[in-house]
């Protein structure tokens, strides 16, 4: 695996993590 693909995966997982955190926070606020 090259450094470029590792970097892309890192960004992808970071975006997914932030999106999941935002959705969870929004769901908790709406309850």
PDB file of N, CA and C in Angstrom:
ATOM      1  N   UNK A   1       0.856  -1.191   0.000  1.00  0.00           N
ATOM      2  CA  UNK A   1       0.000   0.000   0.000  1.00  0.00           C
ATOM      3  C   UNK A   1       0.896   1.247   0.000  1.00  0.00           C
ATOM      4  N   UNK A   2       0.606   2.158  -0.887  1.00  0.00           N
ATOM      5  CA  UNK A   2       1.450   3.347  -0.995  1.00  0.00           C
ATOM      6  C   UNK A   2       1.046   4.415   0.007  1.00  0.00           C
ATOM      7  N   UNK A   3       1.911   5.389   0.192  1.00  0.00           N
ATOM      8  CA  UNK A   3       1.631   6.470   1.144  1.00  0.00           C
ATOM      9  C   UNK A   3       0.431   7.285   0.678  1.00  0.00           C
ATOM     10  N   UNK A   4       0.260   7.388  -0.645  1.00  0.00           N
ATOM     11  CA  UNK A   4      -0.857   8.178  -1.177  1.00  0.00           C
ATOM     12  C   UNK A   4      -2.187   7.542  -0.800  1.00  0.00           C
ATOM     13  N   UNK A   5      -2.309   6.230  -0.992  1.00  0.00           N
ATOM     14  CA  UNK A   5      -3.566   5.558  -0.660  1.00  0.00           C
ATOM     15  C   UNK A   5      -3.814   5.584   0.842  1.00  0.00           C
ATOM     16  N   UNK A   6      -2.735   5.507   1.630  1.00  0.00           N
ATOM     17  CA  UNK A   6      -2.892   5.603   3.086  1.00  0.00           C
ATOM     18  C   UNK A   6      -3.414   6.975   3.469  1.00  0.00           C
ATOM     19  N   UNK A   7      -2.903   8.017   2.811  1.00  0.00           N
ATOM     20  CA  UNK A   7      -3.350   9.378   3.098  1.00  0.00           C
ATOM     21  C   UNK A   7      -4.817   9.555   2.741  1.00  0.00           C
ATOM     22  N   UNK A   8      -5.209   8.993   1.582  1.00  0.00           N
ATOM     23  CA  UNK A   8      -6.610   9.093   1.150  1.00  0.00           C
ATOM     24  C   UNK A   8      -7.510   8.366   2.141  1.00  0.00           C
ATOM     25  N   UNK A   9      -7.101   7.183   2.575  1.00  0.00           N
ATOM     26  CA  UNK A   9      -7.903   6.439   3.546  1.00  0.00           C
ATOM     27  C   UNK A   9      -7.993   7.186   4.866  1.00  0.00           C
ATOM     28  N   UNK A  10      -6.906   7.838   5.261  1.00  0.00           N
ATOM     29  CA  UNK A  10      -6.917   8.616   6.502  1.00  0.00           C
ATOM     30  C   UNK A  10      -7.932   9.745   6.429  1.00  0.00           C
ATOM     31  N   UNK A  11      -7.936  10.462   5.303  1.00  0.00           N
ATOM     32  CA  UNK A  11      -8.895  11.557   5.124  1.00  0.00           C
ATOM     33  C   UNK A  11     -10.317  11.011   5.104  1.00  0.00           C
ATOM     34  N   UNK A  12     -10.514   9.894   4.393  1.00  0.00           N
ATOM     35  CA  UNK A  12     -11.848   9.296   4.280  1.00  0.00           C
ATOM     36  C   UNK A  12     -12.394   8.912   5.646  1.00  0.00           C
ATOM     37  N   UNK A  13     -11.570   8.224   6.448  1.00  0.00           N
ATOM     38  CA  UNK A  13     -12.026   7.807   7.777  1.00  0.00           C
ATOM     39  C   UNK A  13     -12.244   8.997   8.697  1.00  0.00           C
ATOM     40  N   UNK A  14     -11.452  10.052   8.530  1.00  0.00           N
ATOM     41  CA  UNK A  14     -11.639  11.256   9.347  1.00  0.00           C
ATOM     42  C   UNK A  14     -12.978  11.903   9.023  1.00  0.00           C
ATOM     43  N   UNK A  15     -13.292  12.016   7.730  1.00  0.00           N
ATOM     44  CA  UNK A  15     -14.568  12.608   7.303  1.00  0.00           C
ATOM     45  C   UNK A  15     -15.733  11.756   7.802  1.00  0.00           C
ATOM     46  N   UNK A  16     -15.601  10.432   7.680  1.00  0.00           N
ATOM     47  CA  UNK A  16     -16.661   9.538   8.155  1.00  0.00           C
ATOM     48  C   UNK A  16     -16.844   9.678   9.659  1.00  0.00           C
ATOM     49  N   UNK A  17     -15.749   9.755  10.390  1.00  0.00           N
ATOM     50  CA  UNK A  17     -15.814   9.897  11.844  1.00  0.00           C
ATOM     51  C   UNK A  17     -16.475  11.204  12.252  1.00  0.00           C
ATOM     52  N   UNK A  18     -16.096  12.296  11.591  1.00  0.00           N
ATOM     53  CA  UNK A  18     -16.686  13.600  11.906  1.00  0.00           C
ATOM     54  C   UNK A  18     -18.171  13.608  11.560  1.00  0.00           C
ATOM     55  N   UNK A  19     -18.529  13.031  10.415  1.00  0.00           N
ATOM     56  CA  UNK A  19     -19.931  12.980  10.006  1.00  0.00           C
ATOM     57  C   UNK A  19     -20.752  12.154  10.978  1.00  0.00           C
ATOM     58  N   UNK A  20     -20.201  11.006  11.407  1.00  0.00           N
ATOM     59  CA  UNK A  20     -20.914  10.155  12.362  1.00  0.00           C
ATOM     60  C   UNK A  20     -21.078  10.865  13.697  1.00  0.00           C
ATOM     61  N   UNK A  21     -20.038  11.551  14.132  1.00  0.00           N
ATOM     62  CA  UNK A  21     -20.105  12.298  15.391  1.00  0.00           C
ATOM     63  C   UNK A  21     -21.152  13.401  15.324  1.00  0.00           C
ATOM     64  N   UNK A  22     -21.212  14.098  14.182  1.00  0.00           N
ATOM     65  CA  UNK A  22     -22.187  15.181  14.024  1.00  0.00           C
ATOM     66  C   UNK A  22     -23.605  14.624  14.035  1.00  0.00           C
ATOM     67  N   UNK A  23     -23.819  13.498  13.356  1.00  0.00           N
ATOM     68  CA  UNK A  23     -25.149  12.882  13.327  1.00  0.00           C
ATOM     69  C   UNK A  23     -25.559  12.416  14.714  1.00  0.00           C
ATOM     70  N   UNK A  24     -24.629  11.810  15.447  1.00  0.00           N
ATOM     71  CA  UNK A  24     -24.927  11.335  16.798  1.00  0.00           C
ATOM     72  C   UNK A  24     -25.272  12.500  17.713  1.00  0.00           C
ATOM     73  N   UNK A  25     -24.496  13.581  17.610  1.00  0.00           N
ATOM     74  CA  UNK A  25     -24.732  14.758  18.445  1.00  0.00           C
ATOM     75  C   UNK A  25     -26.096  15.362  18.119  1.00  0.00           C
ATOM     76  N   UNK A  26     -26.425  15.435  16.830  1.00  0.00           N
ATOM     77  CA  UNK A  26     -27.714  15.992  16.416  1.00  0.00           C
ATOM     78  C   UNK A  26     -28.859  15.125  16.926  1.00  0.00           C
ATOM     79  N   UNK A  27     -28.693  13.804  16.852  1.00  0.00           N
ATOM     80  CA  UNK A  27     -29.735  12.891  17.332  1.00  0.00           C
ATOM     81  C   UNK A  27     -29.938  13.057  18.837  1.00  0.00           C
ATOM     82  N   UNK A  28     -28.842  13.221  19.584  1.00  0.00           N
ATOM     83  CA  UNK A  28     -28.951  13.391  21.036  1.00  0.00           C
ATOM     84  C   UNK A  28     -29.640  14.709  21.374  1.00  0.00           C
ATOM     85  N   UNK A  29     -29.364  15.755  20.595  1.00  0.00           N
ATOM     86  CA  UNK A  29     -29.977  17.066  20.849  1.00  0.00           C
ATOM     87  C   UNK A  29     -31.476  17.014  20.560  1.00  0.00           C
ATOM     88  N   UNK A  30     -31.862  16.266  19.525  1.00  0.00           N
ATOM     89  CA  UNK A  30     -33.274  16.217  19.123  1.00  0.00           C
ATOM     90  C   UNK A  30     -34.129  15.393  20.078  1.00  0.00           C
ATOM     91  N   UNK A  31     -33.497  14.523  20.842  1.00  0.00           N
ATOM     92  CA  UNK A  31     -34.279  13.666  21.744  1.00  0.00           C
ATOM     93  C   UNK A  31     -34.884  14.453  22.892  1.00  0.00           C
TER      94      UNK A  31
END
